[in-house]
């Protein structure tokens, strides 16, 4: 589990790269590179406020190396208060 100050989603990953998606730590945030098709699905999930999972790693890997979960939660107004 990684906490981050920000996330960057890039839809520039080519399908021919051999990766489902790639994630990397940038400064105090996380950059996730995904395909254009996956970016369309992510945008739709965000519009509809639905959870979304991005599996990172090589296409031919037996087990996924990493997963990025975008999860909508209840608003916690007491978080970081004071």
N, C-alpha and C. Protein backbone atom coordinates (compact mmCIF):
# COMPACT_ATOMS: atom_id res chain seq x y z
N UNK A 1 0.86 -1.17 0.00
CA UNK A 1 0.00 0.00 0.00
C UNK A 1 0.89 1.22 0.00
N UNK A 2 0.60 2.16 -0.90
CA UNK A 2 1.38 3.38 -1.01
C UNK A 2 0.45 4.57 -0.90
N UNK A 3 0.77 5.50 -0.01
CA UNK A 3 0.03 6.75 0.07
C UNK A 3 0.73 7.77 -0.79
N UNK A 4 0.00 8.71 -1.35
CA UNK A 4 0.59 9.68 -2.25
C UNK A 4 -0.11 11.02 -2.11
N UNK A 5 0.63 12.09 -2.38
CA UNK A 5 0.05 13.43 -2.36
C UNK A 5 -0.73 13.70 -3.63
N UNK A 6 -0.34 13.04 -4.72
CA UNK A 6 -1.03 13.23 -5.99
C UNK A 6 -0.85 12.00 -6.88
N UNK A 7 -1.72 11.88 -7.88
CA UNK A 7 -1.63 10.84 -8.88
C UNK A 7 -1.64 11.48 -10.25
N UNK A 8 -0.84 10.94 -11.16
CA UNK A 8 -0.84 11.36 -12.55
C UNK A 8 -1.19 10.13 -13.37
N UNK A 9 -2.22 10.25 -14.21
CA UNK A 9 -2.59 9.16 -15.10
C UNK A 9 -2.27 9.60 -16.52
N UNK A 10 -1.42 8.82 -17.19
CA UNK A 10 -1.03 9.11 -18.56
C UNK A 10 -1.60 8.03 -19.47
N UNK A 11 -2.28 8.43 -20.52
CA UNK A 11 -2.86 7.49 -21.47
C UNK A 11 -1.99 7.26 -22.68
N UNK A 12 -0.68 7.48 -22.55
CA UNK A 12 0.23 7.40 -23.70
C UNK A 12 0.93 6.05 -23.84
N UNK A 13 0.64 5.08 -22.98
CA UNK A 13 1.29 3.78 -23.07
C UNK A 13 0.77 3.04 -24.31
N UNK A 14 1.68 2.58 -25.15
CA UNK A 14 1.31 1.88 -26.38
C UNK A 14 0.97 0.43 -26.07
N UNK A 15 -0.01 -0.11 -26.74
CA UNK A 15 -0.40 -1.51 -26.57
C UNK A 15 0.75 -2.45 -26.93
N UNK A 16 1.60 -2.01 -27.86
CA UNK A 16 2.72 -2.83 -28.32
C UNK A 16 3.90 -2.84 -27.34
N UNK A 17 3.80 -2.10 -26.22
CA UNK A 17 4.90 -2.02 -25.26
C UNK A 17 5.11 -3.32 -24.49
N UNK A 18 4.10 -4.17 -24.46
CA UNK A 18 4.20 -5.42 -23.71
C UNK A 18 3.76 -5.29 -22.27
N UNK A 19 3.25 -4.11 -21.89
CA UNK A 19 2.79 -3.87 -20.53
C UNK A 19 1.29 -3.62 -20.51
N UNK A 20 0.64 -4.10 -19.45
CA UNK A 20 -0.76 -3.75 -19.22
C UNK A 20 -0.83 -2.30 -18.77
N UNK A 21 0.04 -1.94 -17.84
CA UNK A 21 0.17 -0.58 -17.30
C UNK A 21 1.48 -0.53 -16.53
N UNK A 22 1.98 0.67 -16.29
CA UNK A 22 3.21 0.85 -15.52
C UNK A 22 2.97 1.91 -14.46
N UNK A 23 3.49 1.67 -13.27
CA UNK A 23 3.37 2.67 -12.21
C UNK A 23 4.76 2.99 -11.69
N UNK A 24 4.94 4.24 -11.27
CA UNK A 24 6.21 4.65 -10.70
C UNK A 24 5.99 5.78 -9.71
N UNK A 25 6.87 5.86 -8.73
CA UNK A 25 6.81 6.92 -7.73
C UNK A 25 7.54 8.14 -8.29
N UNK A 26 6.88 9.29 -8.25
CA UNK A 26 7.43 10.54 -8.75
C UNK A 26 7.31 11.57 -7.63
N UNK A 27 8.46 12.03 -7.13
CA UNK A 27 8.46 12.96 -6.00
C UNK A 27 7.66 12.34 -4.86
N UNK A 28 6.56 12.98 -4.42
CA UNK A 28 5.72 12.42 -3.35
C UNK A 28 4.37 11.97 -3.90
N UNK A 29 4.36 11.60 -5.19
CA UNK A 29 3.14 11.13 -5.83
C UNK A 29 3.39 9.86 -6.63
N UNK A 30 2.40 9.46 -7.38
CA UNK A 30 2.47 8.24 -8.18
C UNK A 30 2.03 8.56 -9.60
N UNK A 31 2.81 8.08 -10.59
CA UNK A 31 2.42 8.21 -11.99
C UNK A 31 2.04 6.83 -12.50
N UNK A 32 0.89 6.74 -13.16
CA UNK A 32 0.41 5.48 -13.72
C UNK A 32 0.26 5.68 -15.23
N UNK A 33 1.00 4.89 -15.99
CA UNK A 33 0.91 4.94 -17.45
C UNK A 33 0.00 3.82 -17.91
N UNK A 34 -1.04 4.19 -18.67
CA UNK A 34 -2.01 3.21 -19.15
C UNK A 34 -2.25 3.43 -20.64
N UNK A 35 -2.90 2.47 -21.27
CA UNK A 35 -3.22 2.60 -22.69
C UNK A 35 -4.38 3.58 -22.87
N UNK A 36 -4.54 4.05 -24.10
CA UNK A 36 -5.63 4.99 -24.40
C UNK A 36 -7.00 4.35 -24.12
N UNK A 37 -7.11 3.04 -24.40
CA UNK A 37 -8.38 2.35 -24.16
C UNK A 37 -8.69 2.31 -22.66
N UNK A 38 -7.66 2.03 -21.86
CA UNK A 38 -7.83 2.00 -20.41
C UNK A 38 -8.15 3.39 -19.87
N UNK A 39 -7.58 4.42 -20.49
CA UNK A 39 -7.85 5.80 -20.07
C UNK A 39 -9.32 6.14 -20.30
N UNK A 40 -9.88 5.68 -21.42
CA UNK A 40 -11.31 5.91 -21.68
C UNK A 40 -12.16 5.26 -20.60
N UNK A 41 -11.79 4.03 -20.21
CA UNK A 41 -12.53 3.31 -19.17
C UNK A 41 -12.39 4.02 -17.82
N UNK A 42 -11.20 4.52 -17.52
CA UNK A 42 -10.96 5.25 -16.27
C UNK A 42 -11.81 6.52 -16.23
N UNK A 43 -11.82 7.27 -17.32
CA UNK A 43 -12.63 8.50 -17.37
C UNK A 43 -14.10 8.20 -17.11
N UNK A 44 -14.59 7.14 -17.74
CA UNK A 44 -16.00 6.78 -17.56
C UNK A 44 -16.28 6.41 -16.11
N UNK A 45 -15.38 5.63 -15.50
CA UNK A 45 -15.56 5.24 -14.09
C UNK A 45 -15.54 6.46 -13.18
N UNK A 46 -14.68 7.43 -13.45
CA UNK A 46 -14.63 8.64 -12.63
C UNK A 46 -15.91 9.45 -12.79
N UNK A 47 -16.41 9.57 -14.02
CA UNK A 47 -17.67 10.30 -14.25
C UNK A 47 -18.82 9.68 -13.48
N UNK A 48 -18.84 8.33 -13.46
CA UNK A 48 -19.93 7.61 -12.80
C UNK A 48 -19.65 7.36 -11.32
N UNK A 49 -18.50 7.85 -10.83
CA UNK A 49 -18.09 7.67 -9.44
C UNK A 49 -18.09 6.19 -9.04
N UNK A 50 -17.48 5.36 -9.89
CA UNK A 50 -17.38 3.93 -9.65
C UNK A 50 -15.94 3.56 -9.38
N UNK A 51 -15.72 2.54 -8.56
CA UNK A 51 -14.38 2.04 -8.28
C UNK A 51 -13.76 1.52 -9.57
N UNK A 52 -12.42 1.57 -9.63
CA UNK A 52 -11.72 1.15 -10.84
C UNK A 52 -10.38 0.56 -10.43
N UNK A 53 -9.97 -0.52 -11.08
CA UNK A 53 -8.70 -1.17 -10.79
C UNK A 53 -7.86 -1.21 -12.05
N UNK A 54 -6.59 -0.83 -11.91
CA UNK A 54 -5.62 -0.89 -13.00
C UNK A 54 -4.57 -1.93 -12.61
N UNK A 55 -4.42 -2.95 -13.43
CA UNK A 55 -3.41 -3.98 -13.19
C UNK A 55 -2.15 -3.59 -13.94
N UNK A 56 -1.04 -3.50 -13.22
CA UNK A 56 0.24 -3.11 -13.80
C UNK A 56 1.12 -4.34 -14.00
N UNK A 57 2.03 -4.24 -14.93
CA UNK A 57 2.98 -5.32 -15.18
C UNK A 57 2.97 -5.75 -16.63
N UNK A 58 3.76 -6.76 -16.92
CA UNK A 58 3.86 -7.27 -18.29
C UNK A 58 2.61 -8.04 -18.66
N UNK A 59 2.28 -7.99 -19.94
CA UNK A 59 1.08 -8.67 -20.45
C UNK A 59 1.17 -10.16 -20.21
N UNK A 60 2.36 -10.75 -20.39
CA UNK A 60 2.52 -12.20 -20.28
C UNK A 60 2.90 -12.69 -18.89
N UNK A 61 2.86 -11.81 -17.89
CA UNK A 61 3.20 -12.22 -16.51
C UNK A 61 2.12 -13.13 -15.95
N UNK A 62 2.55 -14.13 -15.18
CA UNK A 62 1.59 -15.07 -14.59
C UNK A 62 0.76 -14.40 -13.49
N UNK A 63 1.42 -13.66 -12.62
CA UNK A 63 0.73 -12.95 -11.54
C UNK A 63 0.90 -11.45 -11.73
N UNK A 64 -0.15 -10.68 -11.48
CA UNK A 64 0.01 -9.22 -11.59
C UNK A 64 1.02 -8.72 -10.55
N UNK A 65 1.90 -7.84 -10.98
CA UNK A 65 2.92 -7.32 -10.08
C UNK A 65 2.36 -6.27 -9.14
N UNK A 66 1.53 -5.40 -9.66
CA UNK A 66 0.95 -4.31 -8.88
C UNK A 66 -0.46 -4.05 -9.37
N UNK A 67 -1.26 -3.49 -8.48
CA UNK A 67 -2.58 -3.03 -8.85
C UNK A 67 -2.81 -1.65 -8.25
N UNK A 68 -3.42 -0.78 -9.03
CA UNK A 68 -3.80 0.54 -8.56
C UNK A 68 -5.32 0.52 -8.43
N UNK A 69 -5.81 0.69 -7.20
CA UNK A 69 -7.25 0.69 -6.94
C UNK A 69 -7.71 2.12 -6.71
N UNK A 70 -8.68 2.53 -7.48
CA UNK A 70 -9.32 3.83 -7.27
C UNK A 70 -10.65 3.50 -6.62
N UNK A 71 -10.81 3.94 -5.39
CA UNK A 71 -11.96 3.54 -4.59
C UNK A 71 -12.66 4.76 -4.03
N UNK A 72 -13.95 4.85 -4.26
CA UNK A 72 -14.76 5.92 -3.71
C UNK A 72 -15.17 5.53 -2.30
N UNK A 73 -15.02 6.46 -1.37
CA UNK A 73 -15.35 6.20 0.02
C UNK A 73 -16.27 7.31 0.53
N UNK A 74 -16.89 7.05 1.68
CA UNK A 74 -17.73 8.07 2.30
C UNK A 74 -16.88 9.26 2.71
N UNK A 75 -17.44 10.44 2.61
CA UNK A 75 -16.74 11.66 3.00
C UNK A 75 -16.53 11.67 4.52
N UNK A 76 -15.27 11.75 4.93
CA UNK A 76 -14.94 11.79 6.35
C UNK A 76 -14.52 13.21 6.70
N UNK A 77 -15.44 13.96 7.26
CA UNK A 77 -15.20 15.37 7.54
C UNK A 77 -14.25 15.59 8.72
N UNK A 78 -13.94 14.56 9.50
CA UNK A 78 -13.05 14.69 10.64
C UNK A 78 -11.60 14.36 10.29
N UNK A 79 -11.32 14.04 9.06
CA UNK A 79 -9.97 13.67 8.62
C UNK A 79 -9.07 14.90 8.61
N UNK A 80 -7.91 14.78 9.22
CA UNK A 80 -6.90 15.84 9.27
C UNK A 80 -7.45 17.13 9.86
N UNK A 81 -8.37 17.02 10.77
CA UNK A 81 -8.96 18.22 11.37
C UNK A 81 -8.06 18.71 12.48
N UNK A 82 -7.68 19.98 12.40
CA UNK A 82 -6.87 20.60 13.44
C UNK A 82 -5.45 20.17 13.37
